[in-house]
């Protein structure tokens, strides 16, 4: 089992009629800018433990479970809207940093949220680190009807129980699933992470702590022109970190490429691109020491 170096404490914060579960490492201090870390789709805040352990300084780190993940509640939602993540983040900053800025780290979906938030509320962010938050392929208006139809079809599948996540007999089974998804993840980290990524139900089955409603497609199209206008309003320095495996090619099969992502980043006024070798999409699991070094150099 992975041996944790820095122990977090759990806090529950009332955010927009939800109870948000937040992990906190360290203590606030007038001379410390909080480091806020937001996770990606079907992940949890505890996923950042390996990076936090690798940081050389004693930072004040805050990492929430997004709504419907980990131990954060959902208020019975049967689908999730991207603007809600922006508003949740805004309320969280009101709670943890009401008078000052934070340095913001976001992975994957969390990186996409962070990029949009930084353009909407640039005064609240000191520095931004985007970990493989690439955005989505461009869409066109003629796709709108099909998207709404798929959204409604997905909702029906969800309510029929056809989108339920697989349950596992043991925590070890969850760990094996994590290692199948990410072959670089060692058994020690996988066994530790499984205890935070899933929990046993009343029947003793281990269930993933992610609401299946997250699998329902977004009803709205992804509008690149709007995204780029928001990117142009990002006034703080941005570090865009990508992994050597090029997950873009694996996911989108040419529909959206790394080169296109780099082209979009040109809209960001101050951006640096960094690459971590021998890493896949879950680069905070694969190379936490290298990532921690990049983060600390950038926010210093």
C-alpha atoms as a PDB file:
ATOM      1  CA  UNK A   1       0.000   0.000   0.000  1.00  0.00           C
ATOM      2  CA  UNK A   2       1.186   3.498  -0.842  1.00  0.00           C
ATOM      3  CA  UNK A   3       2.547   5.335   2.212  1.00  0.00           C
ATOM      4  CA  UNK A   4       1.114   8.844   2.433  1.00  0.00           C
ATOM      5  CA  UNK A   5       3.580  11.561   3.437  1.00  0.00           C
ATOM      6  CA  UNK A   6       1.156  14.438   3.981  1.00  0.00           C
ATOM      7  CA  UNK A   7      -2.176  13.759   5.634  1.00  0.00           C
ATOM      8  CA  UNK A   8      -5.255  15.584   4.387  1.00  0.00           C
ATOM      9  CA  UNK A   9      -8.277  16.573   6.397  1.00  0.00           C
ATOM     10  CA  UNK A  10     -11.826  16.316   5.050  1.00  0.00           C
ATOM     11  CA  UNK A  11     -14.139  19.294   5.154  1.00  0.00           C
ATOM     12  CA  UNK A  12     -17.741  19.609   4.025  1.00  0.00           C
ATOM     13  CA  UNK A  13     -18.724  23.005   2.652  1.00  0.00           C
ATOM     14  CA  UNK A  14     -22.283  24.088   1.760  1.00  0.00           C
ATOM     15  CA  UNK A  15     -22.139  25.160  -1.893  1.00  0.00           C
ATOM     16  CA  UNK A  16     -25.324  26.010  -3.826  1.00  0.00           C
ATOM     17  CA  UNK A  17     -27.594  23.637  -1.873  1.00  0.00           C
ATOM     18  CA  UNK A  18     -24.987  20.865  -2.068  1.00  0.00           C
ATOM     19  CA  UNK A  19     -22.515  19.515   0.471  1.00  0.00           C
ATOM     20  CA  UNK A  20     -19.118  19.767  -1.170  1.00  0.00           C
ATOM     21  CA  UNK A  21     -16.418  17.421   0.102  1.00  0.00           C
ATOM     22  CA  UNK A  22     -13.028  19.131   0.120  1.00  0.00           C
ATOM     23  CA  UNK A  23      -9.584  17.755   0.980  1.00  0.00           C
ATOM     24  CA  UNK A  24      -7.176  20.190   2.609  1.00  0.00           C
ATOM     25  CA  UNK A  25      -3.448  19.799   3.162  1.00  0.00           C
ATOM     26  CA  UNK A  26      -1.601  22.337   5.321  1.00  0.00           C
ATOM     27  CA  UNK A  27      -2.815  25.518   6.925  1.00  0.00           C
ATOM     28  CA  UNK A  28      -3.673  28.962   5.553  1.00  0.00           C
ATOM     29  CA  UNK A  29      -1.049  31.643   6.051  1.00  0.00           C
ATOM     30  CA  UNK A  30      -0.776  35.318   5.036  1.00  0.00           C
ATOM     31  CA  UNK A  31       2.428  34.534   3.127  1.00  0.00           C
ATOM     32  CA  UNK A  32       0.992  31.529   1.242  1.00  0.00           C
ATOM     33  CA  UNK A  33      -1.134  31.698  -1.889  1.00  0.00           C
ATOM     34  CA  UNK A  34      -3.552  28.750  -1.692  1.00  0.00           C
ATOM     35  CA  UNK A  35      -3.037  26.028  -4.292  1.00  0.00           C
ATOM     36  CA  UNK A  36      -6.438  24.850  -5.499  1.00  0.00           C
ATOM     37  CA  UNK A  37      -6.463  21.570  -7.451  1.00  0.00           C
ATOM     38  CA  UNK A  38      -9.530  20.344  -9.348  1.00  0.00           C
ATOM     39  CA  UNK A  39      -9.853  16.829 -10.748  1.00  0.00           C
ATOM     40  CA  UNK A  40     -11.161  15.442 -14.015  1.00  0.00           C
ATOM     41  CA  UNK A  41     -14.089  13.345 -15.206  1.00  0.00           C
ATOM     42  CA  UNK A  42     -14.692  10.177 -13.155  1.00  0.00           C
ATOM     43  CA  UNK A  43     -11.876  11.044 -10.772  1.00  0.00           C
ATOM     44  CA  UNK A  44     -11.746  12.289  -7.164  1.00  0.00           C
ATOM     45  CA  UNK A  45      -9.802  14.904  -5.208  1.00  0.00           C
ATOM     46  CA  UNK A  46      -7.685  12.229  -3.487  1.00  0.00           C
ATOM     47  CA  UNK A  47      -6.125  11.576  -6.892  1.00  0.00           C
ATOM     48  CA  UNK A  48      -3.805  14.542  -6.183  1.00  0.00           C
ATOM     49  CA  UNK A  49      -2.274  12.918  -3.073  1.00  0.00           C
ATOM     50  CA  UNK A  50       0.794  11.700  -4.975  1.00  0.00           C
ATOM     51  CA  UNK A  51       1.557  15.191  -6.299  1.00  0.00           C
ATOM     52  CA  UNK A  52       0.991  16.805  -2.902  1.00  0.00           C
ATOM     53  CA  UNK A  53       3.431  14.320  -1.365  1.00  0.00           C
ATOM     54  CA  UNK A  54       6.002  15.235  -4.025  1.00  0.00           C
ATOM     55  CA  UNK A  55       5.851  19.016  -3.410  1.00  0.00           C
ATOM     56  CA  UNK A  56       9.040  20.261  -1.800  1.00  0.00           C
ATOM     57  CA  UNK A  57       7.358  23.058   0.188  1.00  0.00           C
ATOM     58  CA  UNK A  58       4.522  22.914   2.687  1.00  0.00           C
ATOM     59  CA  UNK A  59       1.815  24.455   0.539  1.00  0.00           C
ATOM     60  CA  UNK A  60      -1.749  25.160   1.599  1.00  0.00           C
ATOM     61  CA  UNK A  61      -3.561  22.837  -0.843  1.00  0.00           C
ATOM     62  CA  UNK A  62      -7.321  22.632  -1.392  1.00  0.00           C
ATOM     63  CA  UNK A  63      -8.884  19.918  -3.592  1.00  0.00           C
ATOM     64  CA  UNK A  64     -12.662  19.492  -3.907  1.00  0.00           C
ATOM     65  CA  UNK A  65     -14.624  16.511  -5.135  1.00  0.00           C
ATOM     66  CA  UNK A  66     -16.729  18.000  -7.945  1.00  0.00           C
ATOM     67  CA  UNK A  67     -20.502  17.677  -7.545  1.00  0.00           C
ATOM     68  CA  UNK A  68     -21.501  14.038  -8.003  1.00  0.00           C
ATOM     69  CA  UNK A  69     -17.978  12.716  -7.389  1.00  0.00           C
ATOM     70  CA  UNK A  70     -16.346  11.348  -4.274  1.00  0.00           C
ATOM     71  CA  UNK A  71     -18.321  12.403  -1.224  1.00  0.00           C
ATOM     72  CA  UNK A  72     -19.866  15.550  -2.733  1.00  0.00           C
ATOM     73  CA  UNK A  73     -23.642  15.423  -3.169  1.00  0.00           C
ATOM     74  CA  UNK A  74     -25.751  15.927  -6.300  1.00  0.00           C
ATOM     75  CA  UNK A  75     -29.216  17.049  -5.084  1.00  0.00           C
ATOM     76  CA  UNK A  76     -30.686  14.299  -7.282  1.00  0.00           C
ATOM     77  CA  UNK A  77     -29.463  15.706 -10.604  1.00  0.00           C
ATOM     78  CA  UNK A  78     -29.873  13.402 -13.600  1.00  0.00           C
ATOM     79  CA  UNK A  79     -27.375  15.296 -15.785  1.00  0.00           C
ATOM     80  CA  UNK A  80     -24.618  17.843 -15.260  1.00  0.00           C
ATOM     81  CA  UNK A  81     -24.136  21.231 -16.946  1.00  0.00           C
ATOM     82  CA  UNK A  82     -20.677  22.658 -17.449  1.00  0.00           C
ATOM     83  CA  UNK A  83     -21.532  26.174 -16.183  1.00  0.00           C
ATOM     84  CA  UNK A  84     -22.367  24.633 -12.804  1.00  0.00           C
ATOM     85  CA  UNK A  85     -18.725  23.694 -12.325  1.00  0.00           C
ATOM     86  CA  UNK A  86     -17.741  27.334 -12.896  1.00  0.00           C
ATOM     87  CA  UNK A  87     -20.262  28.553 -10.339  1.00  0.00           C
ATOM     88  CA  UNK A  88     -19.266  25.868  -7.822  1.00  0.00           C
ATOM     89  CA  UNK A  89     -15.627  26.907  -8.183  1.00  0.00           C
ATOM     90  CA  UNK A  90     -16.578  30.557  -7.681  1.00  0.00           C
ATOM     91  CA  UNK A  91     -18.412  29.733  -4.448  1.00  0.00           C
ATOM     92  CA  UNK A  92     -15.500  27.585  -3.250  1.00  0.00           C
ATOM     93  CA  UNK A  93     -13.127  30.507  -3.760  1.00  0.00           C
ATOM     94  CA  UNK A  94     -15.500  32.728  -1.777  1.00  0.00           C
ATOM     95  CA  UNK A  95     -15.158  30.233   1.060  1.00  0.00           C
ATOM     96  CA  UNK A  96     -11.421  29.492   0.974  1.00  0.00           C
ATOM     97  CA  UNK A  97      -9.919  32.692  -0.469  1.00  0.00           C
ATOM     98  CA  UNK A  98     -12.468  35.492  -0.103  1.00  0.00           C
ATOM     99  CA  UNK A  99      -9.893  38.290  -0.023  1.00  0.00           C
ATOM    100  CA  UNK A 100      -7.146  37.076  -2.339  1.00  0.00           C
ATOM    101  CA  UNK A 101      -6.107  34.949  -5.267  1.00  0.00           C
ATOM    102  CA  UNK A 102      -5.349  31.256  -5.613  1.00  0.00           C
ATOM    103  CA  UNK A 103      -3.019  29.353  -7.884  1.00  0.00           C
ATOM    104  CA  UNK A 104      -5.275  26.971  -9.797  1.00  0.00           C
ATOM    105  CA  UNK A 105      -4.443  23.479 -11.093  1.00  0.00           C
ATOM    106  CA  UNK A 106      -6.954  21.559 -13.198  1.00  0.00           C
ATOM    107  CA  UNK A 107      -6.704  18.123 -14.812  1.00  0.00           C
ATOM    108  CA  UNK A 108      -8.656  17.049 -17.915  1.00  0.00           C
ATOM    109  CA  UNK A 109     -12.270  18.186 -17.380  1.00  0.00           C
ATOM    110  CA  UNK A 110     -10.997  20.188 -14.413  1.00  0.00           C
ATOM    111  CA  UNK A 111      -8.437  21.810 -16.698  1.00  0.00           C
ATOM    112  CA  UNK A 112     -11.212  22.846 -19.083  1.00  0.00           C
ATOM    113  CA  UNK A 113     -13.186  24.300 -16.178  1.00  0.00           C
ATOM    114  CA  UNK A 114     -10.080  26.127 -14.930  1.00  0.00           C
ATOM    115  CA  UNK A 115      -9.372  27.682 -18.334  1.00  0.00           C
ATOM    116  CA  UNK A 116     -12.916  29.010 -18.662  1.00  0.00           C
ATOM    117  CA  UNK A 117     -13.043  30.237 -15.086  1.00  0.00           C
ATOM    118  CA  UNK A 118      -9.713  32.040 -15.498  1.00  0.00           C
ATOM    119  CA  UNK A 119     -11.151  34.008 -18.419  1.00  0.00           C
ATOM    120  CA  UNK A 120     -14.399  34.809 -16.615  1.00  0.00           C
ATOM    121  CA  UNK A 121     -12.852  35.709 -13.230  1.00  0.00           C
ATOM    122  CA  UNK A 122      -9.213  36.523 -14.070  1.00  0.00           C
ATOM    123  CA  UNK A 123      -8.784  38.675 -10.954  1.00  0.00           C
ATOM    124  CA  UNK A 124      -9.151  35.612  -8.714  1.00  0.00           C
ATOM    125  CA  UNK A 125      -6.313  33.529 -10.167  1.00  0.00           C
ATOM    126  CA  UNK A 126      -2.603  34.200  -9.693  1.00  0.00           C
ATOM    127  CA  UNK A 127      -1.274  31.434 -11.918  1.00  0.00           C
ATOM    128  CA  UNK A 128      -3.007  28.629 -13.798  1.00  0.00           C
ATOM    129  CA  UNK A 129      -1.708  25.129 -14.529  1.00  0.00           C
ATOM    130  CA  UNK A 130      -3.780  23.181 -17.069  1.00  0.00           C
ATOM    131  CA  UNK A 131      -3.049  19.433 -17.062  1.00  0.00           C
ATOM    132  CA  UNK A 132      -4.291  17.874 -20.295  1.00  0.00           C
ATOM    133  CA  UNK A 133      -7.429  20.030 -20.368  1.00  0.00           C
ATOM    134  CA  UNK A 134      -7.735  20.163 -24.143  1.00  0.00           C
ATOM    135  CA  UNK A 135     -11.309  21.249 -24.703  1.00  0.00           C
ATOM    136  CA  UNK A 136     -13.492  19.456 -27.221  1.00  0.00           C
ATOM    137  CA  UNK A 137     -13.780  19.104 -31.004  1.00  0.00           C
ATOM    138  CA  UNK A 138     -15.464  21.988 -32.775  1.00  0.00           C
ATOM    139  CA  UNK A 139     -19.174  21.650 -33.483  1.00  0.00           C
ATOM    140  CA  UNK A 140     -21.494  23.245 -36.032  1.00  0.00           C
ATOM    141  CA  UNK A 141     -25.111  24.434 -35.637  1.00  0.00           C
ATOM    142  CA  UNK A 142     -26.442  21.601 -37.790  1.00  0.00           C
ATOM    143  CA  UNK A 143     -25.416  19.170 -35.017  1.00  0.00           C
ATOM    144  CA  UNK A 144     -27.716  20.791 -32.448  1.00  0.00           C
ATOM    145  CA  UNK A 145     -30.863  18.710 -33.127  1.00  0.00           C
ATOM    146  CA  UNK A 146     -28.933  15.437 -32.988  1.00  0.00           C
ATOM    147  CA  UNK A 147     -27.228  16.479 -29.755  1.00  0.00           C
ATOM    148  CA  UNK A 148     -30.521  17.298 -28.044  1.00  0.00           C
ATOM    149  CA  UNK A 149     -31.930  13.967 -29.215  1.00  0.00           C
ATOM    150  CA  UNK A 150     -28.935  12.059 -27.864  1.00  0.00           C
ATOM    151  CA  UNK A 151     -29.180  13.941 -24.566  1.00  0.00           C
ATOM    152  CA  UNK A 152     -32.831  12.912 -24.158  1.00  0.00           C
ATOM    153  CA  UNK A 153     -32.059   9.329 -25.167  1.00  0.00           C
ATOM    154  CA  UNK A 154     -29.222   9.208 -22.631  1.00  0.00           C
ATOM    155  CA  UNK A 155     -31.550  10.466 -19.900  1.00  0.00           C
ATOM    156  CA  UNK A 156     -33.964   7.619 -20.641  1.00  0.00           C
ATOM    157  CA  UNK A 157     -31.125   5.085 -20.500  1.00  0.00           C
ATOM    158  CA  UNK A 158     -29.997   6.528 -17.171  1.00  0.00           C
ATOM    159  CA  UNK A 159     -33.454   6.267 -15.636  1.00  0.00           C
ATOM    160  CA  UNK A 160     -33.782   2.688 -16.901  1.00  0.00           C
ATOM    161  CA  UNK A 161     -30.560   1.844 -15.089  1.00  0.00           C
ATOM    162  CA  UNK A 162     -28.632   1.204 -18.297  1.00  0.00           C
ATOM    163  CA  UNK A 163     -25.812   3.598 -17.383  1.00  0.00           C
ATOM    164  CA  UNK A 164     -25.031   2.265 -13.932  1.00  0.00           C
ATOM    165  CA  UNK A 165     -21.360   1.861 -13.162  1.00  0.00           C
ATOM    166  CA  UNK A 166     -19.908  -1.585 -12.571  1.00  0.00           C
ATOM    167  CA  UNK A 167     -19.560  -2.663  -8.945  1.00  0.00           C
ATOM    168  CA  UNK A 168     -16.645  -4.767  -7.703  1.00  0.00           C
ATOM    169  CA  UNK A 169     -16.465  -7.562  -5.139  1.00  0.00           C
ATOM    170  CA  UNK A 170     -13.429  -6.108  -3.369  1.00  0.00           C
ATOM    171  CA  UNK A 171     -11.298  -2.977  -3.184  1.00  0.00           C
ATOM    172  CA  UNK A 172      -8.575  -5.034  -4.852  1.00  0.00           C
ATOM    173  CA  UNK A 173     -10.898  -5.442  -7.834  1.00  0.00           C
ATOM    174  CA  UNK A 174     -11.227  -1.664  -8.053  1.00  0.00           C
ATOM    175  CA  UNK A 175      -7.438  -1.365  -7.913  1.00  0.00           C
ATOM    176  CA  UNK A 176      -7.052  -3.857 -10.764  1.00  0.00           C
ATOM    177  CA  UNK A 177      -9.545  -1.823 -12.806  1.00  0.00           C
ATOM    178  CA  UNK A 178      -7.480   1.321 -12.209  1.00  0.00           C
ATOM    179  CA  UNK A 179      -4.328  -0.458 -13.351  1.00  0.00           C
ATOM    180  CA  UNK A 180      -6.038  -1.781 -16.486  1.00  0.00           C
ATOM    181  CA  UNK A 181      -7.047   1.760 -17.390  1.00  0.00           C
ATOM    182  CA  UNK A 182      -3.565   3.075 -16.626  1.00  0.00           C
ATOM    183  CA  UNK A 183      -0.799   0.459 -16.990  1.00  0.00           C
ATOM    184  CA  UNK A 184       1.765   2.848 -15.430  1.00  0.00           C
ATOM    185  CA  UNK A 185      -0.129   2.950 -12.132  1.00  0.00           C
ATOM    186  CA  UNK A 186       1.673   0.751  -9.612  1.00  0.00           C
ATOM    187  CA  UNK A 187      -0.189  -1.630  -7.319  1.00  0.00           C
ATOM    188  CA  UNK A 188       0.745   0.382  -4.225  1.00  0.00           C
ATOM    189  CA  UNK A 189      -0.859   3.571  -5.549  1.00  0.00           C
ATOM    190  CA  UNK A 190      -3.804   1.706  -7.095  1.00  0.00           C
ATOM    191  CA  UNK A 191      -4.648  -0.054  -3.820  1.00  0.00           C
ATOM    192  CA  UNK A 192      -4.524   3.249  -1.929  1.00  0.00           C
ATOM    193  CA  UNK A 193      -6.509   5.139  -4.546  1.00  0.00           C
ATOM    194  CA  UNK A 194      -9.179   2.425  -4.742  1.00  0.00           C
ATOM    195  CA  UNK A 195     -10.144   3.147  -1.122  1.00  0.00           C
ATOM    196  CA  UNK A 196     -10.908   6.775  -2.055  1.00  0.00           C
ATOM    197  CA  UNK A 197     -12.260   6.173  -5.566  1.00  0.00           C
ATOM    198  CA  UNK A 198     -14.886   3.648  -4.413  1.00  0.00           C
ATOM    199  CA  UNK A 199     -16.690   2.517  -1.282  1.00  0.00           C
ATOM    200  CA  UNK A 200     -18.712  -0.565  -0.273  1.00  0.00           C
ATOM    201  CA  UNK A 201     -22.503  -0.485  -0.494  1.00  0.00           C
ATOM    202  CA  UNK A 202     -24.987  -2.211   1.804  1.00  0.00           C
ATOM    203  CA  UNK A 203     -24.427  -5.507  -0.052  1.00  0.00           C
ATOM    204  CA  UNK A 204     -20.649  -5.268   0.352  1.00  0.00           C
ATOM    205  CA  UNK A 205     -19.992  -4.455  -3.309  1.00  0.00           C
ATOM    206  CA  UNK A 206     -17.444  -1.726  -3.998  1.00  0.00           C
ATOM    207  CA  UNK A 207     -19.062   1.080  -6.008  1.00  0.00           C
ATOM    208  CA  UNK A 208     -17.246   3.841  -7.895  1.00  0.00           C
ATOM    209  CA  UNK A 209     -17.819   7.268  -6.319  1.00  0.00           C
ATOM    210  CA  UNK A 210     -19.023   8.860  -9.530  1.00  0.00           C
ATOM    211  CA  UNK A 211     -22.674   9.478 -10.319  1.00  0.00           C
ATOM    212  CA  UNK A 212     -23.637   7.633 -13.543  1.00  0.00           C
ATOM    213  CA  UNK A 213     -25.464  10.808 -14.624  1.00  0.00           C
ATOM    214  CA  UNK A 214     -22.015  12.144 -15.567  1.00  0.00           C
ATOM    215  CA  UNK A 215     -22.181   9.767 -18.535  1.00  0.00           C
ATOM    216  CA  UNK A 216     -25.149  11.639 -20.028  1.00  0.00           C
ATOM    217  CA  UNK A 217     -23.948  13.708 -22.983  1.00  0.00           C
ATOM    218  CA  UNK A 218     -24.072  17.495 -22.592  1.00  0.00           C
ATOM    219  CA  UNK A 219     -27.136  18.949 -24.274  1.00  0.00           C
ATOM    220  CA  UNK A 220     -25.225  21.995 -25.481  1.00  0.00           C
ATOM    221  CA  UNK A 221     -22.745  22.007 -28.345  1.00  0.00           C
ATOM    222  CA  UNK A 222     -19.113  22.950 -27.716  1.00  0.00           C
ATOM    223  CA  UNK A 223     -18.667  26.398 -29.248  1.00  0.00           C
ATOM    224  CA  UNK A 224     -15.025  27.058 -30.047  1.00  0.00           C
ATOM    225  CA  UNK A 225     -15.569  30.715 -30.915  1.00  0.00           C
ATOM    226  CA  UNK A 226     -16.963  31.391 -27.432  1.00  0.00           C
ATOM    227  CA  UNK A 227     -14.135  29.446 -25.820  1.00  0.00           C
ATOM    228  CA  UNK A 228     -11.461  31.419 -27.662  1.00  0.00           C
ATOM    229  CA  UNK A 229     -13.038  34.724 -26.644  1.00  0.00           C
ATOM    230  CA  UNK A 230     -12.844  33.581 -23.019  1.00  0.00           C
ATOM    231  CA  UNK A 231      -9.236  32.438 -23.497  1.00  0.00           C
ATOM    232  CA  UNK A 232      -8.341  35.946 -24.694  1.00  0.00           C
ATOM    233  CA  UNK A 233      -9.466  37.315 -21.323  1.00  0.00           C
ATOM    234  CA  UNK A 234      -7.075  35.103 -19.325  1.00  0.00           C
ATOM    235  CA  UNK A 235      -4.696  37.681 -17.891  1.00  0.00           C
ATOM    236  CA  UNK A 236      -2.525  35.502 -15.627  1.00  0.00           C
ATOM    237  CA  UNK A 237       0.407  33.298 -16.758  1.00  0.00           C
ATOM    238  CA  UNK A 238      -0.729  29.829 -17.857  1.00  0.00           C
ATOM    239  CA  UNK A 239       1.255  26.585 -17.901  1.00  0.00           C
ATOM    240  CA  UNK A 240      -0.270  23.967 -20.229  1.00  0.00           C
ATOM    241  CA  UNK A 241       1.132  20.536 -19.345  1.00  0.00           C
ATOM    242  CA  UNK A 242       0.710  17.594 -21.691  1.00  0.00           C
ATOM    243  CA  UNK A 243       1.812  13.962 -21.487  1.00  0.00           C
ATOM    244  CA  UNK A 244       4.056  12.209 -23.983  1.00  0.00           C
ATOM    245  CA  UNK A 245       1.392   9.606 -24.836  1.00  0.00           C
ATOM    246  CA  UNK A 246      -0.746  12.152 -26.781  1.00  0.00           C
ATOM    247  CA  UNK A 247      -4.134  11.098 -25.444  1.00  0.00           C
ATOM    248  CA  UNK A 248      -5.768  13.441 -27.962  1.00  0.00           C
ATOM    249  CA  UNK A 249      -4.977  11.069 -30.818  1.00  0.00           C
ATOM    250  CA  UNK A 250      -6.271   8.095 -28.827  1.00  0.00           C
ATOM    251  CA  UNK A 251      -9.589   9.725 -27.899  1.00  0.00           C
ATOM    252  CA  UNK A 252     -10.619  11.695 -30.943  1.00  0.00           C
ATOM    253  CA  UNK A 253      -9.032   9.665 -33.759  1.00  0.00           C
ATOM    254  CA  UNK A 254      -8.278  12.741 -35.854  1.00  0.00           C
ATOM    255  CA  UNK A 255     -11.472  14.635 -35.009  1.00  0.00           C
ATOM    256  CA  UNK A 256      -9.458  16.921 -32.699  1.00  0.00           C
ATOM    257  CA  UNK A 257      -5.660  16.942 -32.662  1.00  0.00           C
ATOM    258  CA  UNK A 258      -2.886  18.172 -30.407  1.00  0.00           C
ATOM    259  CA  UNK A 259      -1.856  20.617 -33.126  1.00  0.00           C
ATOM    260  CA  UNK A 260      -5.350  22.112 -33.101  1.00  0.00           C
ATOM    261  CA  UNK A 261      -5.185  22.433 -29.318  1.00  0.00           C
ATOM    262  CA  UNK A 262      -1.865  24.269 -29.636  1.00  0.00           C
ATOM    263  CA  UNK A 263      -3.467  26.594 -32.185  1.00  0.00           C
ATOM    264  CA  UNK A 264      -6.272  27.410 -29.741  1.00  0.00           C
ATOM    265  CA  UNK A 265      -3.728  28.134 -26.999  1.00  0.00           C
ATOM    266  CA  UNK A 266      -2.416  31.008 -29.123  1.00  0.00           C
ATOM    267  CA  UNK A 267      -5.485  32.944 -27.963  1.00  0.00           C
ATOM    268  CA  UNK A 268      -4.135  32.864 -24.381  1.00  0.00           C
ATOM    269  CA  UNK A 269      -2.014  36.007 -23.841  1.00  0.00           C
ATOM    270  CA  UNK A 270       0.637  34.373 -21.596  1.00  0.00           C
ATOM    271  CA  UNK A 271       1.060  30.631 -22.052  1.00  0.00           C
ATOM    272  CA  UNK A 272       3.904  28.165 -21.695  1.00  0.00           C
ATOM    273  CA  UNK A 273       3.606  24.571 -22.900  1.00  0.00           C
ATOM    274  CA  UNK A 274       5.436  21.795 -21.042  1.00  0.00           C
ATOM    275  CA  UNK A 275       5.602  18.079 -21.801  1.00  0.00           C
ATOM    276  CA  UNK A 276       6.114  15.226 -19.337  1.00  0.00           C
ATOM    277  CA  UNK A 277       7.801  12.155 -20.762  1.00  0.00           C
ATOM    278  CA  UNK A 278       6.792   8.567 -20.003  1.00  0.00           C
ATOM    279  CA  UNK A 279       3.300   9.651 -18.958  1.00  0.00           C
ATOM    280  CA  UNK A 280      -0.259   9.167 -20.105  1.00  0.00           C
ATOM    281  CA  UNK A 281      -3.390  11.193 -19.504  1.00  0.00           C
ATOM    282  CA  UNK A 282      -3.236  10.512 -15.742  1.00  0.00           C
ATOM    283  CA  UNK A 283       0.134  12.225 -15.556  1.00  0.00           C
ATOM    284  CA  UNK A 284      -0.450  13.180 -11.903  1.00  0.00           C
ATOM    285  CA  UNK A 285      -0.353   9.439 -11.181  1.00  0.00           C
ATOM    286  CA  UNK A 286       2.400   8.534 -13.633  1.00  0.00           C
ATOM    287  CA  UNK A 287       4.985  11.224 -12.875  1.00  0.00           C
ATOM    288  CA  UNK A 288       3.956  13.073  -9.697  1.00  0.00           C
ATOM    289  CA  UNK A 289       7.524  14.144  -8.874  1.00  0.00           C
ATOM    290  CA  UNK A 290       8.102  15.733 -12.273  1.00  0.00           C
ATOM    291  CA  UNK A 291       4.694  17.391 -12.175  1.00  0.00           C
ATOM    292  CA  UNK A 292       5.263  18.739  -8.665  1.00  0.00           C
ATOM    293  CA  UNK A 293       8.563  20.209  -9.806  1.00  0.00           C
ATOM    294  CA  UNK A 294       6.866  21.918 -12.764  1.00  0.00           C
ATOM    295  CA  UNK A 295       4.091  23.322 -10.576  1.00  0.00           C
ATOM    296  CA  UNK A 296       6.440  24.723  -7.946  1.00  0.00           C
ATOM    297  CA  UNK A 297       8.746  26.281 -10.515  1.00  0.00           C
ATOM    298  CA  UNK A 298       5.810  27.951 -12.232  1.00  0.00           C
ATOM    299  CA  UNK A 299       4.118  29.359  -9.122  1.00  0.00           C
ATOM    300  CA  UNK A 300       7.353  30.451  -7.408  1.00  0.00           C
END
